[in-house]
Protein backbone atom coordinates (compact mmCIF):
# COMPACT_ATOMS: atom_id res chain seq x y z
CA MET A 1 -0.84 26.41 28.41
CA PHE A 2 -1.85 25.54 24.41
CA ARG A 3 -2.01 22.35 23.49
CA ARG A 4 -1.49 20.57 20.26
CA SER A 5 -3.06 17.48 19.28
CA ALA A 6 -1.35 14.72 18.35
CA ALA A 7 -2.73 14.46 14.69
CA ARG A 8 -1.60 18.02 14.39
CA LEU A 9 1.90 17.12 14.89
CA LEU A 10 2.07 14.30 12.02
CA ALA A 11 4.08 14.93 9.22
CA VAL A 12 0.99 13.31 7.18
CA PRO A 13 -2.29 13.44 7.60
CA PRO A 14 -4.13 10.21 8.49
CA LEU A 15 -7.40 9.11 6.42
CA SER A 16 -10.41 8.69 8.37
CA ALA A 17 -12.02 5.02 8.26
CA PRO A 18 -14.52 6.10 6.25
CA ALA A 19 -12.52 7.57 3.60
CA VAL A 20 -10.26 4.53 4.10
CA THR A 21 -13.64 2.51 3.14
CA SER A 22 -13.96 4.71 0.34
CA ALA A 23 -10.76 4.33 -1.20
CA LEU A 24 -10.73 0.81 -1.50
CA LEU A 25 -13.91 0.62 -3.12
CA THR A 26 -11.45 1.39 -6.01
CA LEU A 27 -8.18 -0.15 -5.32
CA PRO A 28 -9.51 -4.10 -6.17
CA GLY A 29 -7.76 -7.07 -4.35
CA TRP A 30 -7.27 -4.36 -1.43
CA LYS A 31 -8.91 -4.19 2.21
CA MET A 32 -8.22 -3.54 5.98
CA ASP A 33 -6.67 -5.51 8.23
CA GLY A 34 -10.06 -6.39 9.86
CA ASN A 35 -11.32 -3.20 10.46
CA SER A 36 -8.49 -1.73 11.57
CA THR A 37 -7.30 1.60 9.44
CA ARG A 38 -3.74 0.73 10.09
CA HIS A 39 -2.82 -0.55 7.12
CA ILE A 40 -4.26 -1.70 4.13
CA GLU A 41 -2.79 -5.62 2.07
CA ARG A 42 -2.56 -7.32 -0.73
CA ASP A 43 -2.13 -10.94 -1.72
CA LEU A 44 -0.28 -10.91 -5.50
CA LEU A 45 0.13 -14.37 -6.81
CA PHE A 46 2.17 -14.47 -10.21
CA VAL A 47 3.85 -17.44 -12.65
CA ASP A 48 6.53 -17.60 -11.31
CA PHE A 49 9.22 -16.41 -8.59
CA VAL A 50 11.37 -14.43 -11.17
CA ALA A 51 8.11 -12.22 -12.12
CA ALA A 52 6.98 -11.72 -8.68
CA MET A 53 10.87 -10.70 -8.23
CA LYS A 54 10.30 -8.12 -11.48
CA PHE A 55 7.19 -6.50 -10.17
CA MET A 56 9.09 -6.24 -6.85
CA GLN A 57 11.98 -4.77 -9.10
CA GLU A 58 9.70 -2.73 -11.11
CA VAL A 59 7.99 -1.04 -8.07
CA ALA A 60 11.26 -0.32 -6.23
CA PRO A 61 12.13 2.76 -7.78
CA VAL A 62 8.47 4.74 -7.50
CA CYS A 63 8.56 3.49 -3.97
CA GLU A 64 11.80 5.01 -3.76
CA LYS A 65 10.64 8.42 -5.89
CA MET A 66 8.06 8.56 -3.27
CA GLY A 67 9.93 8.21 -0.50
CA HIS A 68 7.23 5.51 0.38
CA HIS A 69 8.75 1.73 1.33
CA PRO A 70 6.14 -1.17 1.70
CA MET A 71 5.74 -4.15 3.89
CA TRP A 72 5.95 -6.52 1.50
CA LEU A 73 7.02 -10.88 1.68
CA ASN A 74 7.88 -12.67 -1.64
CA VAL A 75 7.74 -16.92 -1.03
CA TYR A 76 8.48 -17.84 -4.49
CA ASN A 77 5.39 -16.82 -6.93
CA ARG A 78 3.77 -15.02 -3.80
CA VAL A 79 3.66 -11.09 -2.68
CA HIS A 80 1.86 -10.12 -0.06
CA VAL A 81 2.05 -6.19 0.45
CA LYS A 82 1.21 -4.22 3.77
CA LEU A 83 1.06 -0.79 3.38
CA THR A 84 0.85 2.02 5.95
CA THR A 85 2.24 5.63 6.68
CA HIS A 86 4.85 5.98 9.74
CA ASP A 87 4.67 9.60 9.30
CA ALA A 88 1.01 9.17 9.63
CA GLY A 89 0.82 7.87 12.87
CA ASN A 90 1.22 4.00 11.56
CA ALA A 91 -2.09 4.62 10.25
CA VAL A 92 -3.29 4.59 6.27
CA SER A 93 -2.81 7.95 4.47
CA GLN A 94 -3.36 9.26 0.90
CA LYS A 95 0.34 7.75 0.19
CA ASP A 96 -0.90 4.52 0.49
CA VAL A 97 -3.49 4.79 -1.29
CA ASP A 98 -1.48 6.56 -3.78
CA LEU A 99 1.18 3.71 -4.10
CA ALA A 100 -1.83 0.81 -3.92
CA LYS A 101 -2.82 2.27 -7.16
CA VAL A 102 0.13 2.05 -8.60
CA MET A 103 0.96 -1.13 -7.76
CA ASN A 104 -2.22 -2.55 -9.49
CA GLU A 105 -1.57 -0.95 -12.47
CA THR A 106 1.69 -2.64 -12.45
CA TYR A 107 0.59 -6.01 -11.11
CA ALA A 108 -2.22 -5.81 -14.49
CA LYS A 109 1.31 -5.96 -16.93
CA TYR A 110 1.44 -9.26 -15.23
CA THR A 111 -1.67 -10.86 -15.11
CA LYS A 112 -2.79 -9.79 -18.61
CA LYS A 113 -3.51 -13.22 -20.97
CA LYS A 114 -1.30 -13.19 -24.12
């Protein structure tokens, strides 16, 4: 009887540990949770609560369009983000890398010196 591997049944392929490590080199501020490739995370600091909320509101439609929604927590002027892909077996996928890039680009607008 033919058996498929669990990875073949996943809707989105997870990235290998070396691929996650390589992707993180292009994502300033992002890190793995220890040596796990289960998710990548980042803490973002804003000038105040309003700026943190504006960031989240700006990124939310992008997440919706991508069909990829972050686990994020906002406390006053801080936003903590964890990205993982459920369709990849709760592991990091290219979808996470792509969303992290969008978040970095959006965050840069909030940290530019005026």
